[in-house]
Amino acid sequence: MSTEQHDADAYGQELAAISQHQHEATAARFTVFQALAAAGIGHEQADDIVAKLEAGAVAGAHTWVSESSPPHGSEPQFEDGWFAGVRDVASYLRRIADRTATTERGRAASSAMLVAHLQQSASPAPAAPEATAAAEPVPVSVPPLEAKDVLAAAERFLWAVAAPGTRNWPDGSDFLDVALSAVGDEERAGYIERLEAFVEEHRDRLEELLRAYGPGSRPASHGRYALVGQPETLIILERMEAAPFLLRGRWEEELETVFLDDLEFAWGPRIRLSR
């Protein structure tokens, strides 16, 4: 087996392990929200409790990284580089912990909606045929998420998107469809509000992204970073932060990954899946 093949296999195993951890964390979070609701804890307080627990886990990783040391007997230059890298990673982890503790909101309400939907779906049919019409529960459908409405919301942030005449794709519907396919059923009811909050929160980063990599920039002149400046990209970035593994899985089924890889490099998300 070649070194490149070995590296690719190892990286694939790493992604699979992380994906499993994320899946288990999602299931555990759902259970915690159910338990808190049963104890009479309101949605806002439940979000606060779980966000602080998750921020604490990131803080634990910060401590582990900060206390790591280079191999014994390393050259001074190697040690200097090691500690510089540790400081960079630790600083990034601290920012993640800060953001996790303060911005993860709305998940308890989404969990409650999903529980209600599952309970409604599992309700047995009434025994008496003549009472079926009156007793049959009204089905709870997943709220629609219209692509045109989401796109219209994204286009309102004029400081985060390129002018229409300079965009690479007048119609980026393929990119939008894939990004929206990574929005879970439990997130659809308030997704536009979630997107708006995300864009407002990251205004400085988005303005810098457009300036540094958008149409007319030096990197874009080489034919790269083609998605920067598209209104659809705001949805892609939000999903890149919220559901990175699901987004990449859906993307790889439908589109060329180079577009997502470039955007991921320029944005610098919490979890980077491109190599």
C-alpha atoms as a PDB file:
ATOM      1  CA  MET A   1       0.000   0.000   0.000  1.00  0.00           C
ATOM      2  CA  SER A   2       1.340   3.420  -0.942  1.00  0.00           C
ATOM      3  CA  THR A   3       1.865   6.165   1.628  1.00  0.00           C
ATOM      4  CA  GLU A   4      -0.831   8.283  -0.038  1.00  0.00           C
ATOM      5  CA  GLN A   5      -3.321   5.407   0.053  1.00  0.00           C
ATOM      6  CA  HIS A   6      -2.502   4.750   3.710  1.00  0.00           C
ATOM      7  CA  ASP A   7      -2.988   8.434   4.547  1.00  0.00           C
ATOM      8  CA  ALA A   8      -6.309   8.500   2.709  1.00  0.00           C
ATOM      9  CA  ASP A   9      -7.527   5.367   4.529  1.00  0.00           C
ATOM     10  CA  ALA A  10      -6.433   6.748   7.900  1.00  0.00           C
ATOM     11  CA  TYR A  11      -8.157  10.057   7.205  1.00  0.00           C
ATOM     12  CA  GLY A  12     -11.342   8.268   6.175  1.00  0.00           C
ATOM     13  CA  GLN A  13     -11.301   6.265   9.408  1.00  0.00           C
ATOM     14  CA  GLU A  14     -10.779   9.460  11.377  1.00  0.00           C
ATOM     15  CA  LEU A  15     -13.782  11.111   9.714  1.00  0.00           C
ATOM     16  CA  ALA A  16     -15.899   8.020  10.359  1.00  0.00           C
ATOM     17  CA  ALA A  17     -14.945   8.040  14.056  1.00  0.00           C
ATOM     18  CA  ILE A  18     -15.708  11.742  14.429  1.00  0.00           C
ATOM     19  CA  SER A  19     -19.004  11.306  12.593  1.00  0.00           C
ATOM     20  CA  GLN A  20     -19.947   8.523  15.029  1.00  0.00           C
ATOM     21  CA  HIS A  21     -19.106  10.738  17.998  1.00  0.00           C
ATOM     22  CA  GLN A  22     -21.262  13.519  16.551  1.00  0.00           C
ATOM     23  CA  HIS A  23     -24.154  11.121  15.971  1.00  0.00           C
ATOM     24  CA  GLU A  24     -23.949   9.841  19.546  1.00  0.00           C
ATOM     25  CA  ALA A  25     -23.679  13.400  20.888  1.00  0.00           C
ATOM     26  CA  THR A  26     -26.831  14.395  19.006  1.00  0.00           C
ATOM     27  CA  ALA A  27     -28.723  11.428  20.461  1.00  0.00           C
ATOM     28  CA  ALA A  28     -27.422  12.184  23.964  1.00  0.00           C
ATOM     29  CA  ARG A  29     -28.353  15.874  23.657  1.00  0.00           C
ATOM     30  CA  PHE A  30     -31.873  14.859  22.611  1.00  0.00           C
ATOM     31  CA  THR A  31     -32.152  12.649  25.719  1.00  0.00           C
ATOM     32  CA  VAL A  32     -30.887  15.435  27.984  1.00  0.00           C
ATOM     33  CA  PHE A  33     -33.422  17.906  26.577  1.00  0.00           C
ATOM     34  CA  GLN A  34     -36.201  15.368  27.188  1.00  0.00           C
ATOM     35  CA  ALA A  35     -35.057  14.854  30.777  1.00  0.00           C
ATOM     36  CA  LEU A  36     -34.828  18.595  31.440  1.00  0.00           C
ATOM     37  CA  ALA A  37     -38.286  19.155  29.976  1.00  0.00           C
ATOM     38  CA  ALA A  38     -39.687  16.384  32.189  1.00  0.00           C
ATOM     39  CA  ALA A  39     -38.112  18.144  35.192  1.00  0.00           C
ATOM     40  CA  GLY A  40     -39.909  21.364  34.305  1.00  0.00           C
ATOM     41  CA  ILE A  41     -36.882  23.210  32.919  1.00  0.00           C
ATOM     42  CA  GLY A  42     -37.843  25.795  30.291  1.00  0.00           C
ATOM     43  CA  HIS A  43     -36.364  25.886  26.796  1.00  0.00           C
ATOM     44  CA  GLU A  44     -34.075  28.864  27.356  1.00  0.00           C
ATOM     45  CA  GLN A  45     -32.637  27.451  30.574  1.00  0.00           C
ATOM     46  CA  ALA A  46     -32.230  24.009  28.980  1.00  0.00           C
ATOM     47  CA  ASP A  47     -30.329  25.549  26.056  1.00  0.00           C
ATOM     48  CA  ASP A  48     -28.115  27.392  28.531  1.00  0.00           C
ATOM     49  CA  ILE A  49     -27.370  24.238  30.544  1.00  0.00           C
ATOM     50  CA  VAL A  50     -26.495  22.102  27.526  1.00  0.00           C
ATOM     51  CA  ALA A  51     -24.477  24.878  25.848  1.00  0.00           C
ATOM     52  CA  LYS A  52     -22.367  25.294  28.983  1.00  0.00           C
ATOM     53  CA  LEU A  53     -21.788  21.535  29.201  1.00  0.00           C
ATOM     54  CA  GLU A  54     -20.631  21.455  25.578  1.00  0.00           C
ATOM     55  CA  ALA A  55     -18.464  24.533  26.093  1.00  0.00           C
ATOM     56  CA  GLY A  56     -16.930  22.764  29.081  1.00  0.00           C
ATOM     57  CA  ALA A  57     -16.016  19.805  26.884  1.00  0.00           C
ATOM     58  CA  VAL A  58     -14.229  22.167  24.495  1.00  0.00           C
ATOM     59  CA  ALA A  59     -12.515  23.792  27.484  1.00  0.00           C
ATOM     60  CA  GLY A  60     -11.280  20.353  28.499  1.00  0.00           C
ATOM     61  CA  ALA A  61      -9.728  19.933  25.050  1.00  0.00           C
ATOM     62  CA  HIS A  62      -8.151  23.387  25.506  1.00  0.00           C
ATOM     63  CA  THR A  63      -6.533  22.254  28.763  1.00  0.00           C
ATOM     64  CA  TRP A  64      -5.260  19.036  27.205  1.00  0.00           C
ATOM     65  CA  VAL A  65      -3.739  20.885  24.233  1.00  0.00           C
ATOM     66  CA  SER A  66      -2.274  23.653  26.397  1.00  0.00           C
ATOM     67  CA  GLU A  67      -0.506  21.170  28.654  1.00  0.00           C
ATOM     68  CA  SER A  68       0.984  19.115  25.828  1.00  0.00           C
ATOM     69  CA  SER A  69       4.743  19.121  25.341  1.00  0.00           C
ATOM     70  CA  PRO A  70       7.064  18.378  22.419  1.00  0.00           C
ATOM     71  CA  PRO A  71       8.889  15.043  22.346  1.00  0.00           C
ATOM     72  CA  HIS A  72      11.717  14.832  24.849  1.00  0.00           C
ATOM     73  CA  GLY A  73      15.031  15.878  23.399  1.00  0.00           C
ATOM     74  CA  SER A  74      13.594  17.952  20.554  1.00  0.00           C
ATOM     75  CA  GLU A  75      15.668  20.683  18.980  1.00  0.00           C
ATOM     76  CA  PRO A  76      15.010  24.233  20.267  1.00  0.00           C
ATOM     77  CA  GLN A  77      13.589  25.337  16.900  1.00  0.00           C
ATOM     78  CA  PHE A  78      11.198  22.395  16.891  1.00  0.00           C
ATOM     79  CA  GLU A  79      10.109  23.226  20.439  1.00  0.00           C
ATOM     80  CA  ASP A  80       9.514  26.870  19.504  1.00  0.00           C
ATOM     81  CA  GLY A  81       7.330  25.790  16.586  1.00  0.00           C
ATOM     82  CA  TRP A  82       5.515  23.277  18.765  1.00  0.00           C
ATOM     83  CA  PHE A  83       4.581  25.823  21.424  1.00  0.00           C
ATOM     84  CA  ALA A  84       3.591  28.412  18.814  1.00  0.00           C
ATOM     85  CA  GLY A  85       1.226  25.859  17.277  1.00  0.00           C
ATOM     86  CA  VAL A  86      -0.141  24.942  20.704  1.00  0.00           C
ATOM     87  CA  ARG A  87      -0.882  28.600  21.430  1.00  0.00           C
ATOM     88  CA  ASP A  88      -2.710  28.992  18.108  1.00  0.00           C
ATOM     89  CA  VAL A  89      -4.817  25.859  18.599  1.00  0.00           C
ATOM     90  CA  ALA A  90      -5.569  26.702  22.243  1.00  0.00           C
ATOM     91  CA  SER A  91      -6.671  30.213  21.295  1.00  0.00           C
ATOM     92  CA  TYR A  92      -8.972  28.817  18.612  1.00  0.00           C
ATOM     93  CA  LEU A  93     -10.463  26.326  21.073  1.00  0.00           C
ATOM     94  CA  ARG A  94     -11.110  29.125  23.558  1.00  0.00           C
ATOM     95  CA  ARG A  95     -13.062  31.043  20.910  1.00  0.00           C
ATOM     96  CA  ILE A  96     -15.080  27.930  20.121  1.00  0.00           C
ATOM     97  CA  ALA A  97     -15.874  27.459  23.827  1.00  0.00           C
ATOM     98  CA  ASP A  98     -16.948  31.105  24.155  1.00  0.00           C
ATOM     99  CA  ARG A  99     -19.189  30.864  21.093  1.00  0.00           C
ATOM    100  CA  THR A 100     -20.659  27.519  22.138  1.00  0.00           C
ATOM    101  CA  ALA A 101     -21.550  28.828  25.605  1.00  0.00           C
ATOM    102  CA  THR A 102     -23.418  31.857  24.301  1.00  0.00           C
ATOM    103  CA  THR A 103     -24.910  31.167  20.856  1.00  0.00           C
ATOM    104  CA  GLU A 104     -26.415  27.663  20.898  1.00  0.00           C
ATOM    105  CA  ARG A 105     -30.085  28.607  21.246  1.00  0.00           C
ATOM    106  CA  GLY A 106     -33.338  27.153  19.964  1.00  0.00           C
ATOM    107  CA  ARG A 107     -32.283  23.523  20.213  1.00  0.00           C
ATOM    108  CA  ALA A 108     -34.469  22.681  23.215  1.00  0.00           C
ATOM    109  CA  ALA A 109     -37.534  24.023  21.404  1.00  0.00           C
ATOM    110  CA  SER A 110     -36.614  22.035  18.283  1.00  0.00           C
ATOM    111  CA  SER A 111     -36.200  18.920  20.427  1.00  0.00           C
ATOM    112  CA  ALA A 112     -39.635  19.437  21.975  1.00  0.00           C
ATOM    113  CA  MET A 113     -41.193  19.818  18.521  1.00  0.00           C
ATOM    114  CA  LEU A 114     -39.557  16.596  17.376  1.00  0.00           C
ATOM    115  CA  VAL A 115     -40.763  14.727  20.483  1.00  0.00           C
ATOM    116  CA  ALA A 116     -44.301  15.947  19.865  1.00  0.00           C
ATOM    117  CA  HIS A 117     -44.096  14.857  16.237  1.00  0.00           C
ATOM    118  CA  LEU A 118     -42.811  11.385  17.156  1.00  0.00           C
ATOM    119  CA  GLN A 119     -45.474  10.932  19.834  1.00  0.00           C
ATOM    120  CA  GLN A 120     -48.171  12.057  17.429  1.00  0.00           C
ATOM    121  CA  SER A 121     -46.948   9.643  14.759  1.00  0.00           C
ATOM    122  CA  ALA A 122     -46.897   6.754  17.246  1.00  0.00           C
ATOM    123  CA  SER A 123     -50.462   7.339  18.513  1.00  0.00           C
ATOM    124  CA  PRO A 124     -52.611   4.180  17.980  1.00  0.00           C
ATOM    125  CA  ALA A 125     -55.662   4.322  15.752  1.00  0.00           C
ATOM    126  CA  PRO A 126     -59.041   4.526  17.610  1.00  0.00           C
ATOM    127  CA  ALA A 127     -60.780   1.210  18.200  1.00  0.00           C
ATOM    128  CA  ALA A 128     -64.307   2.166  17.143  1.00  0.00           C
ATOM    129  CA  PRO A 129     -64.673   2.620  13.342  1.00  0.00           C
ATOM    130  CA  GLU A 130     -67.545   5.083  13.739  1.00  0.00           C
ATOM    131  CA  ALA A 131     -65.366   7.347  15.884  1.00  0.00           C
ATOM    132  CA  THR A 132     -62.402   7.373  13.512  1.00  0.00           C
ATOM    133  CA  ALA A 133     -63.068  10.765  11.974  1.00  0.00           C
ATOM    134  CA  ALA A 134     -63.403  12.475  15.339  1.00  0.00           C
ATOM    135  CA  ALA A 135     -60.654  10.651  17.226  1.00  0.00           C
ATOM    136  CA  GLU A 136     -57.979  10.416  14.544  1.00  0.00           C
ATOM    137  CA  PRO A 137     -55.109  12.775  15.423  1.00  0.00           C
ATOM    138  CA  VAL A 138     -54.260  15.555  13.038  1.00  0.00           C
ATOM    139  CA  PRO A 139     -50.914  14.628  11.441  1.00  0.00           C
ATOM    140  CA  VAL A 140     -48.009  16.896  12.298  1.00  0.00           C
ATOM    141  CA  SER A 141     -46.197  17.675   9.077  1.00  0.00           C
ATOM    142  CA  VAL A 142     -42.690  18.981   8.722  1.00  0.00           C
ATOM    143  CA  PRO A 143     -42.951  22.728   8.044  1.00  0.00           C
ATOM    144  CA  PRO A 144     -42.035  23.596   4.466  1.00  0.00           C
ATOM    145  CA  LEU A 145     -38.748  25.335   3.796  1.00  0.00           C
ATOM    146  CA  GLU A 146     -39.115  27.206   0.538  1.00  0.00           C
ATOM    147  CA  ALA A 147     -35.817  27.778  -1.253  1.00  0.00           C
ATOM    148  CA  LYS A 148     -37.026  31.104  -2.676  1.00  0.00           C
ATOM    149  CA  ASP A 149     -37.841  32.418   0.808  1.00  0.00           C
ATOM    150  CA  VAL A 150     -34.451  31.403   2.207  1.00  0.00           C
ATOM    151  CA  LEU A 151     -32.677  32.931  -0.791  1.00  0.00           C
ATOM    152  CA  ALA A 152     -34.649  36.163  -0.421  1.00  0.00           C
ATOM    153  CA  ALA A 153     -33.570  36.365   3.229  1.00  0.00           C
ATOM    154  CA  ALA A 154     -29.920  35.842   2.249  1.00  0.00           C
ATOM    155  CA  GLU A 155     -30.064  38.500  -0.447  1.00  0.00           C
ATOM    156  CA  ARG A 156     -31.124  41.120   2.093  1.00  0.00           C
ATOM    157  CA  PHE A 157     -27.596  41.126   3.540  1.00  0.00           C
ATOM    158  CA  LEU A 158     -26.101  43.331   0.844  1.00  0.00           C
ATOM    159  CA  TRP A 159     -22.826  43.758   2.712  1.00  0.00           C
ATOM    160  CA  ALA A 160     -22.244  39.973   2.692  1.00  0.00           C
ATOM    161  CA  VAL A 161     -22.898  39.195  -0.987  1.00  0.00           C
ATOM    162  CA  ALA A 162     -21.463  40.431  -4.268  1.00  0.00           C
ATOM    163  CA  ALA A 163     -23.436  42.661  -6.594  1.00  0.00           C
ATOM    164  CA  PRO A 164     -25.628  40.580  -8.973  1.00  0.00           C
ATOM    165  CA  GLY A 165     -23.588  41.514 -12.042  1.00  0.00           C
ATOM    166  CA  THR A 166     -20.345  40.236 -10.547  1.00  0.00           C
ATOM    167  CA  ARG A 167     -21.544  36.847  -9.291  1.00  0.00           C
ATOM    168  CA  ASN A 168     -20.210  33.698 -10.912  1.00  0.00           C
ATOM    169  CA  TRP A 169     -23.647  32.059 -11.110  1.00  0.00           C
ATOM    170  CA  PRO A 170     -26.779  34.123 -11.750  1.00  0.00           C
ATOM    171  CA  ASP A 171     -28.618  30.969 -10.687  1.00  0.00           C
ATOM    172  CA  GLY A 172     -26.989  29.028  -7.860  1.00  0.00           C
ATOM    173  CA  SER A 173     -29.995  26.815  -7.220  1.00  0.00           C
ATOM    174  CA  ASP A 174     -27.972  23.590  -7.292  1.00  0.00           C
ATOM    175  CA  PHE A 175     -25.776  24.834  -4.452  1.00  0.00           C
ATOM    176  CA  LEU A 176     -28.794  26.101  -2.524  1.00  0.00           C
ATOM    177  CA  ASP A 177     -30.681  22.825  -2.883  1.00  0.00           C
ATOM    178  CA  VAL A 178     -27.752  20.817  -1.514  1.00  0.00           C
ATOM    179  CA  ALA A 179     -27.255  23.214   1.410  1.00  0.00           C
ATOM    180  CA  LEU A 180     -30.949  23.085   2.312  1.00  0.00           C
ATOM    181  CA  SER A 181     -30.920  19.291   2.145  1.00  0.00           C
ATOM    182  CA  ALA A 182     -28.596  19.454   5.166  1.00  0.00           C
ATOM    183  CA  VAL A 183     -31.235  21.307   7.240  1.00  0.00           C
ATOM    184  CA  GLY A 184     -32.899  18.809   9.575  1.00  0.00           C
ATOM    185  CA  ASP A 185     -36.668  18.462   9.853  1.00  0.00           C
ATOM    186  CA  GLU A 186     -36.554  19.787  13.413  1.00  0.00           C
ATOM    187  CA  GLU A 187     -34.757  22.958  12.259  1.00  0.00           C
ATOM    188  CA  ARG A 188     -37.023  23.978   9.405  1.00  0.00           C
ATOM    189  CA  ALA A 189     -39.670  25.898  11.347  1.00  0.00           C
ATOM    190  CA  GLY A 190     -37.263  28.655  12.386  1.00  0.00           C
ATOM    191  CA  TYR A 191     -34.502  28.234   9.857  1.00  0.00           C
ATOM    192  CA  ILE A 192     -34.733  31.677   8.236  1.00  0.00           C
ATOM    193  CA  GLU A 193     -34.479  33.319  11.653  1.00  0.00           C
ATOM    194  CA  ARG A 194     -31.518  31.059  12.442  1.00  0.00           C
ATOM    195  CA  LEU A 195     -29.821  32.067   9.197  1.00  0.00           C
ATOM    196  CA  GLU A 196     -30.397  35.755   9.885  1.00  0.00           C
ATOM    197  CA  ALA A 197     -28.923  35.418  13.375  1.00  0.00           C
ATOM    198  CA  PHE A 198     -25.900  33.569  11.959  1.00  0.00           C
ATOM    199  CA  VAL A 199     -25.199  36.272   9.361  1.00  0.00           C
ATOM    200  CA  GLU A 200     -25.541  39.084  11.874  1.00  0.00           C
ATOM    201  CA  GLU A 201     -23.287  37.294  14.359  1.00  0.00           C
ATOM    202  CA  HIS A 202     -20.563  36.755  11.762  1.00  0.00           C
ATOM    203  CA  ARG A 203     -20.868  40.084   9.966  1.00  0.00           C
ATOM    204  CA  ASP A 204     -17.175  40.994  10.342  1.00  0.00           C
ATOM    205  CA  ARG A 205     -16.020  37.590   9.097  1.00  0.00           C
ATOM    206  CA  LEU A 206     -18.395  37.687   6.148  1.00  0.00           C
ATOM    207  CA  GLU A 207     -17.326  41.176   5.125  1.00  0.00           C
ATOM    208  CA  GLU A 208     -13.679  40.106   5.264  1.00  0.00           C
ATOM    209  CA  LEU A 209     -14.432  36.909   3.327  1.00  0.00           C
ATOM    210  CA  LEU A 210     -16.067  38.910   0.528  1.00  0.00           C
ATOM    211  CA  ARG A 211     -13.229  41.446   0.466  1.00  0.00           C
ATOM    212  CA  ALA A 212     -10.405  38.903   0.518  1.00  0.00           C
ATOM    213  CA  TYR A 213     -11.836  36.130  -1.699  1.00  0.00           C
ATOM    214  CA  GLY A 214     -14.839  37.580  -3.515  1.00  0.00           C
ATOM    215  CA  PRO A 215     -15.160  38.722  -7.136  1.00  0.00           C
ATOM    216  CA  GLY A 216     -12.324  41.078  -8.075  1.00  0.00           C
ATOM    217  CA  SER A 217      -9.944  39.764  -5.399  1.00  0.00           C
ATOM    218  CA  ARG A 218      -6.540  38.346  -6.282  1.00  0.00           C
ATOM    219  CA  PRO A 219      -7.447  34.742  -5.272  1.00  0.00           C
ATOM    220  CA  ALA A 220     -10.635  34.914  -7.359  1.00  0.00           C
ATOM    221  CA  SER A 221      -8.677  36.117 -10.390  1.00  0.00           C
ATOM    222  CA  HIS A 222      -7.109  32.645 -10.592  1.00  0.00           C
ATOM    223  CA  GLY A 223     -10.502  30.989 -10.965  1.00  0.00           C
ATOM    224  CA  ARG A 224     -10.825  29.800  -7.350  1.00  0.00           C
ATOM    225  CA  TYR A 225     -13.264  30.628  -4.534  1.00  0.00           C
ATOM    226  CA  ALA A 226     -16.098  30.876  -7.029  1.00  0.00           C
ATOM    227  CA  LEU A 227     -18.816  30.564  -4.376  1.00  0.00           C
ATOM    228  CA  VAL A 228     -17.692  33.586  -2.363  1.00  0.00           C
ATOM    229  CA  GLY A 229     -20.179  36.391  -2.877  1.00  0.00           C
ATOM    230  CA  GLN A 230     -23.111  34.163  -3.848  1.00  0.00           C
ATOM    231  CA  PRO A 231     -26.172  34.635  -1.592  1.00  0.00           C
ATOM    232  CA  GLU A 232     -26.521  30.842  -1.521  1.00  0.00           C
ATOM    233  CA  THR A 233     -23.139  30.745   0.192  1.00  0.00           C
ATOM    234  CA  LEU A 234     -24.581  32.219   3.393  1.00  0.00           C
ATOM    235  CA  ILE A 235     -26.690  29.075   3.756  1.00  0.00           C
ATOM    236  CA  ILE A 236     -23.706  26.877   2.915  1.00  0.00           C
ATOM    237  CA  LEU A 237     -21.580  28.581   5.580  1.00  0.00           C
ATOM    238  CA  GLU A 238     -24.301  28.296   8.198  1.00  0.00           C
ATOM    239  CA  ARG A 239     -24.579  24.568   7.502  1.00  0.00           C
ATOM    240  CA  MET A 240     -20.783  24.262   7.429  1.00  0.00           C
ATOM    241  CA  GLU A 241     -20.788  25.416  11.053  1.00  0.00           C
ATOM    242  CA  ALA A 242     -23.957  23.625  12.189  1.00  0.00           C
ATOM    243  CA  ALA A 243     -23.847  20.289  10.311  1.00  0.00           C
ATOM    244  CA  PRO A 244     -20.461  19.933   8.556  1.00  0.00           C
ATOM    245  CA  PHE A 245     -20.507  16.171   8.060  1.00  0.00           C
ATOM    246  CA  LEU A 246     -24.064  16.086   6.739  1.00  0.00           C
ATOM    247  CA  LEU A 247     -23.354  18.997   4.390  1.00  0.00           C
ATOM    248  CA  ARG A 248     -20.245  17.363   2.958  1.00  0.00           C
ATOM    249  CA  GLY A 249     -21.985  14.021   2.558  1.00  0.00           C
ATOM    250  CA  ARG A 250     -24.840  15.592   0.605  1.00  0.00           C
ATOM    251  CA  TRP A 251     -22.419  17.745  -1.385  1.00  0.00           C
ATOM    252  CA  GLU A 252     -20.259  14.815  -2.456  1.00  0.00           C
ATOM    253  CA  GLU A 253     -23.359  13.064  -3.787  1.00  0.00           C
ATOM    254  CA  GLU A 254     -24.333  15.964  -6.056  1.00  0.00           C
ATOM    255  CA  LEU A 255     -21.549  18.511  -6.712  1.00  0.00           C
ATOM    256  CA  GLU A 256     -17.834  18.981  -7.319  1.00  0.00           C
ATOM    257  CA  THR A 257     -16.089  19.122  -3.949  1.00  0.00           C
ATOM    258  CA  VAL A 258     -13.519  21.702  -5.099  1.00  0.00           C
ATOM    259  CA  PHE A 259     -16.121  24.448  -4.648  1.00  0.00           C
ATOM    260  CA  LEU A 260     -16.792  23.409  -1.060  1.00  0.00           C
ATOM    261  CA  ASP A 261     -13.095  22.838  -0.326  1.00  0.00           C
ATOM    262  CA  ASP A 262     -12.200  26.360  -1.453  1.00  0.00           C
ATOM    263  CA  LEU A 263     -14.996  27.881   0.576  1.00  0.00           C
ATOM    264  CA  GLU A 264     -14.021  25.851   3.624  1.00  0.00           C
ATOM    265  CA  PHE A 265     -10.424  27.012   3.337  1.00  0.00           C
ATOM    266  CA  ALA A 266     -11.440  30.662   3.037  1.00  0.00           C
ATOM    267  CA  TRP A 267     -13.968  30.526   5.874  1.00  0.00           C
ATOM    268  CA  GLY A 268     -11.988  28.431   8.369  1.00  0.00           C
ATOM    269  CA  PRO A 269     -14.896  26.586  10.045  1.00  0.00           C
ATOM    270  CA  ARG A 270     -14.838  24.908  13.434  1.00  0.00           C
ATOM    271  CA  ILE A 271     -14.496  21.501  11.743  1.00  0.00           C
ATOM    272  CA  ARG A 272     -12.503  21.385   8.523  1.00  0.00           C
ATOM    273  CA  LEU A 273     -13.218  18.302   6.398  1.00  0.00           C
ATOM    274  CA  SER A 274     -11.180  19.129   3.302  1.00  0.00           C
ATOM    275  CA  ARG A 275      -7.540  18.097   3.227  1.00  0.00           C
END
